[in-house]
N, C-alpha and C. Protein backbone atom coordinates (compact mmCIF):
# COMPACT_ATOMS: atom_id res chain seq x y z
N MET A 1 0.85 -1.17 0.00
CA MET A 1 0.00 0.00 0.00
C MET A 1 0.89 1.23 0.00
N ALA A 2 0.54 2.22 -0.82
CA ALA A 2 1.33 3.44 -0.93
C ALA A 2 1.08 4.36 0.26
N ARG A 3 2.07 5.17 0.55
CA ARG A 3 1.95 6.18 1.61
C ARG A 3 2.27 7.53 1.00
N PHE A 4 1.53 8.54 1.43
CA PHE A 4 1.87 9.89 1.03
C PHE A 4 1.36 10.87 2.08
N THR A 5 1.82 12.09 1.99
CA THR A 5 1.47 13.13 2.96
C THR A 5 0.56 14.15 2.29
N ILE A 6 -0.47 14.55 3.01
CA ILE A 6 -1.32 15.63 2.52
C ILE A 6 -1.32 16.74 3.56
N HIS A 7 -1.55 17.94 3.13
CA HIS A 7 -1.61 19.10 4.02
C HIS A 7 -3.03 19.65 3.96
N LEU A 8 -3.67 19.72 5.12
CA LEU A 8 -5.05 20.20 5.21
C LEU A 8 -5.10 21.44 6.10
N PRO A 9 -5.98 22.37 5.78
CA PRO A 9 -6.22 23.45 6.73
C PRO A 9 -6.74 22.86 8.05
N ALA A 10 -6.43 23.51 9.15
CA ALA A 10 -6.79 22.98 10.48
C ALA A 10 -8.28 22.67 10.60
N ALA A 11 -9.12 23.54 10.08
CA ALA A 11 -10.57 23.32 10.19
C ALA A 11 -11.01 22.07 9.43
N LEU A 12 -10.42 21.85 8.27
CA LEU A 12 -10.76 20.67 7.47
C LEU A 12 -10.24 19.40 8.13
N GLU A 13 -9.06 19.47 8.70
CA GLU A 13 -8.52 18.31 9.42
C GLU A 13 -9.43 17.94 10.58
N LYS A 14 -9.90 18.92 11.30
CA LYS A 14 -10.78 18.67 12.44
C LYS A 14 -12.07 17.98 11.99
N LYS A 15 -12.65 18.47 10.91
CA LYS A 15 -13.88 17.87 10.38
C LYS A 15 -13.63 16.43 9.92
N ALA A 16 -12.52 16.22 9.24
CA ALA A 16 -12.19 14.88 8.73
C ALA A 16 -11.98 13.91 9.89
N ARG A 17 -11.28 14.34 10.92
CA ARG A 17 -11.04 13.47 12.08
C ARG A 17 -12.35 13.13 12.79
N ARG A 18 -13.25 14.11 12.90
CA ARG A 18 -14.54 13.85 13.53
C ARG A 18 -15.36 12.86 12.70
N ALA A 19 -15.35 13.04 11.39
CA ALA A 19 -16.10 12.14 10.51
C ALA A 19 -15.54 10.73 10.57
N ALA A 20 -14.22 10.61 10.58
CA ALA A 20 -13.58 9.29 10.66
C ALA A 20 -13.95 8.61 11.97
N LYS A 21 -13.91 9.36 13.05
CA LYS A 21 -14.25 8.79 14.36
C LYS A 21 -15.71 8.34 14.39
N ALA A 22 -16.58 9.15 13.81
CA ALA A 22 -18.01 8.81 13.76
C ALA A 22 -18.24 7.53 12.96
N ASP A 23 -17.42 7.30 11.94
CA ASP A 23 -17.52 6.09 11.12
C ASP A 23 -16.77 4.91 11.74
N GLY A 24 -16.06 5.15 12.84
CA GLY A 24 -15.29 4.09 13.48
C GLY A 24 -14.08 3.67 12.68
N LYS A 25 -13.47 4.63 11.97
CA LYS A 25 -12.32 4.32 11.12
C LYS A 25 -11.14 5.21 11.48
N SER A 26 -9.96 4.75 11.10
CA SER A 26 -8.79 5.61 11.22
C SER A 26 -8.93 6.72 10.18
N ILE A 27 -8.23 7.81 10.42
CA ILE A 27 -8.28 8.91 9.45
C ILE A 27 -7.75 8.46 8.09
N SER A 28 -6.73 7.61 8.10
CA SER A 28 -6.17 7.10 6.85
C SER A 28 -7.20 6.28 6.07
N ARG A 29 -7.88 5.36 6.77
CA ARG A 29 -8.90 4.51 6.12
C ARG A 29 -10.06 5.37 5.63
N TRP A 30 -10.46 6.35 6.44
CA TRP A 30 -11.58 7.22 6.07
C TRP A 30 -11.26 8.01 4.80
N ILE A 31 -10.06 8.58 4.73
CA ILE A 31 -9.65 9.34 3.54
C ILE A 31 -9.57 8.42 2.33
N ALA A 32 -9.01 7.23 2.50
CA ALA A 32 -8.91 6.28 1.39
C ALA A 32 -10.30 5.90 0.88
N ASP A 33 -11.24 5.69 1.80
CA ASP A 33 -12.61 5.37 1.39
C ASP A 33 -13.25 6.52 0.63
N ARG A 34 -13.06 7.75 1.10
CA ARG A 34 -13.64 8.91 0.41
C ARG A 34 -13.05 9.07 -0.99
N LEU A 35 -11.73 8.86 -1.11
CA LEU A 35 -11.09 8.93 -2.43
C LEU A 35 -11.64 7.84 -3.35
N GLY A 36 -11.80 6.65 -2.80
CA GLY A 36 -12.34 5.55 -3.59
C GLY A 36 -13.73 5.85 -4.12
N GLU A 37 -14.57 6.45 -3.28
CA GLU A 37 -15.92 6.82 -3.71
C GLU A 37 -15.88 7.90 -4.78
N THR A 38 -15.01 8.87 -4.59
CA THR A 38 -14.91 9.99 -5.53
C THR A 38 -14.38 9.55 -6.88
N MET A 39 -13.47 8.60 -6.88
CA MET A 39 -12.82 8.19 -8.11
C MET A 39 -13.47 6.97 -8.75
N ASP A 40 -14.53 6.47 -8.14
CA ASP A 40 -15.25 5.33 -8.69
C ASP A 40 -15.83 5.74 -10.04
N ASP A 41 -15.49 4.99 -11.09
CA ASP A 41 -15.95 5.37 -12.43
C ASP A 41 -17.19 4.61 -12.88
N SER A 42 -17.80 3.88 -11.98
CA SER A 42 -19.03 3.18 -12.35
C SER A 42 -20.21 4.14 -12.23
N LEU A 43 -21.27 3.81 -12.90
CA LEU A 43 -22.45 4.65 -12.86
C LEU A 43 -23.23 4.42 -11.58
N PRO A 44 -23.84 5.48 -11.03
CA PRO A 44 -24.65 5.31 -9.84
C PRO A 44 -25.84 4.37 -10.11
N GLN A 45 -26.30 3.68 -9.09
CA GLN A 45 -27.39 2.73 -9.24
C GLN A 45 -28.63 3.39 -9.83
N ALA A 46 -28.90 4.63 -9.47
CA ALA A 46 -30.08 5.33 -10.00
C ALA A 46 -30.02 5.46 -11.52
N VAL A 47 -28.83 5.68 -12.05
CA VAL A 47 -28.67 5.78 -13.50
C VAL A 47 -28.89 4.41 -14.14
N LEU A 48 -28.33 3.38 -13.54
CA LEU A 48 -28.52 2.03 -14.08
C LEU A 48 -29.99 1.63 -14.03
N ASP A 49 -30.68 2.00 -12.96
CA ASP A 49 -32.10 1.69 -12.84
C ASP A 49 -32.93 2.40 -13.90
N ALA A 50 -32.49 3.59 -14.32
CA ALA A 50 -33.23 4.37 -15.30
C ALA A 50 -33.03 3.88 -16.73
N ALA A 51 -32.01 3.08 -16.96
CA ALA A 51 -31.73 2.59 -18.31
C ALA A 51 -32.94 1.84 -18.85
N GLY A 52 -33.40 2.25 -20.01
CA GLY A 52 -34.54 1.61 -20.65
C GLY A 52 -35.88 2.08 -20.11
N ALA A 53 -35.87 3.11 -19.28
CA ALA A 53 -37.11 3.59 -18.67
C ALA A 53 -38.00 4.33 -19.66
N ILE A 54 -37.46 4.72 -20.80
CA ILE A 54 -38.26 5.42 -21.82
C ILE A 54 -38.46 4.44 -22.97
N PRO A 55 -39.56 3.69 -22.96
CA PRO A 55 -39.75 2.62 -23.94
C PRO A 55 -39.86 3.08 -25.38
N ASP A 56 -40.32 4.30 -25.63
CA ASP A 56 -40.51 4.74 -27.01
C ASP A 56 -39.37 5.64 -27.50
N PHE A 57 -38.23 5.63 -26.82
CA PHE A 57 -37.09 6.42 -27.26
C PHE A 57 -36.59 5.84 -28.58
N PRO A 58 -36.30 6.70 -29.58
CA PRO A 58 -35.90 6.18 -30.89
C PRO A 58 -34.58 5.40 -30.83
N SER A 59 -34.48 4.43 -31.72
CA SER A 59 -33.26 3.63 -31.82
C SER A 59 -32.16 4.46 -32.49
N LEU A 60 -30.95 3.95 -32.44
CA LEU A 60 -29.83 4.63 -33.08
C LEU A 60 -30.07 4.78 -34.58
N GLU A 61 -30.61 3.74 -35.18
CA GLU A 61 -30.90 3.79 -36.62
C GLU A 61 -31.92 4.87 -36.92
N GLN A 62 -32.94 4.98 -36.10
CA GLN A 62 -33.96 6.00 -36.31
C GLN A 62 -33.39 7.40 -36.13
N LEU A 63 -32.51 7.56 -35.17
CA LEU A 63 -31.90 8.87 -34.94
C LEU A 63 -31.01 9.29 -36.11
N ARG A 64 -30.38 8.32 -36.77
CA ARG A 64 -29.45 8.63 -37.87
C ARG A 64 -30.13 8.75 -39.23
N GLN A 65 -31.41 8.48 -39.31
CA GLN A 65 -32.11 8.54 -40.60
C GLN A 65 -31.99 9.95 -41.19
N GLY A 66 -31.70 10.00 -42.50
CA GLY A 66 -31.63 11.28 -43.20
C GLY A 66 -30.30 11.99 -43.13
N TYR A 67 -29.34 11.44 -42.41
CA TYR A 67 -28.04 12.10 -42.29
C TYR A 67 -27.03 11.61 -43.32
N GLY A 68 -27.30 10.54 -44.00
CA GLY A 68 -26.37 10.02 -44.98
C GLY A 68 -25.25 9.25 -44.32
N PRO A 69 -24.30 8.76 -45.13
CA PRO A 69 -23.20 7.96 -44.57
C PRO A 69 -22.24 8.82 -43.77
N ASP A 70 -21.53 8.16 -42.86
CA ASP A 70 -20.50 8.85 -42.09
C ASP A 70 -19.37 9.31 -43.01
N ALA A 71 -18.67 10.34 -42.61
CA ALA A 71 -17.50 10.82 -43.34
C ALA A 71 -16.36 9.83 -43.13
N PRO A 72 -15.46 9.71 -44.08
CA PRO A 72 -14.31 8.81 -43.91
C PRO A 72 -13.50 9.23 -42.68
N ARG A 73 -12.96 8.25 -42.01
CA ARG A 73 -12.14 8.51 -40.81
C ARG A 73 -10.68 8.31 -41.14
N ASP A 74 -9.84 9.01 -40.42
CA ASP A 74 -8.38 8.88 -40.60
C ASP A 74 -7.89 7.62 -39.98
């Protein structure tokens, strides 16, 4: 596991330590968890649940009708 140092303003450090304590975690684990949540590249469950919720949304083929063929690509 990597180690690094961060510098926080005193007020932010105090808030982070309180939040970590409330979650029953070390400050290191709490920060790692927050970074993991922030950097998670998966879609939120609400977005996944909404997929296909509009049954009459046009298909890709219908959306492209009338535009002609794609331009050549490099």
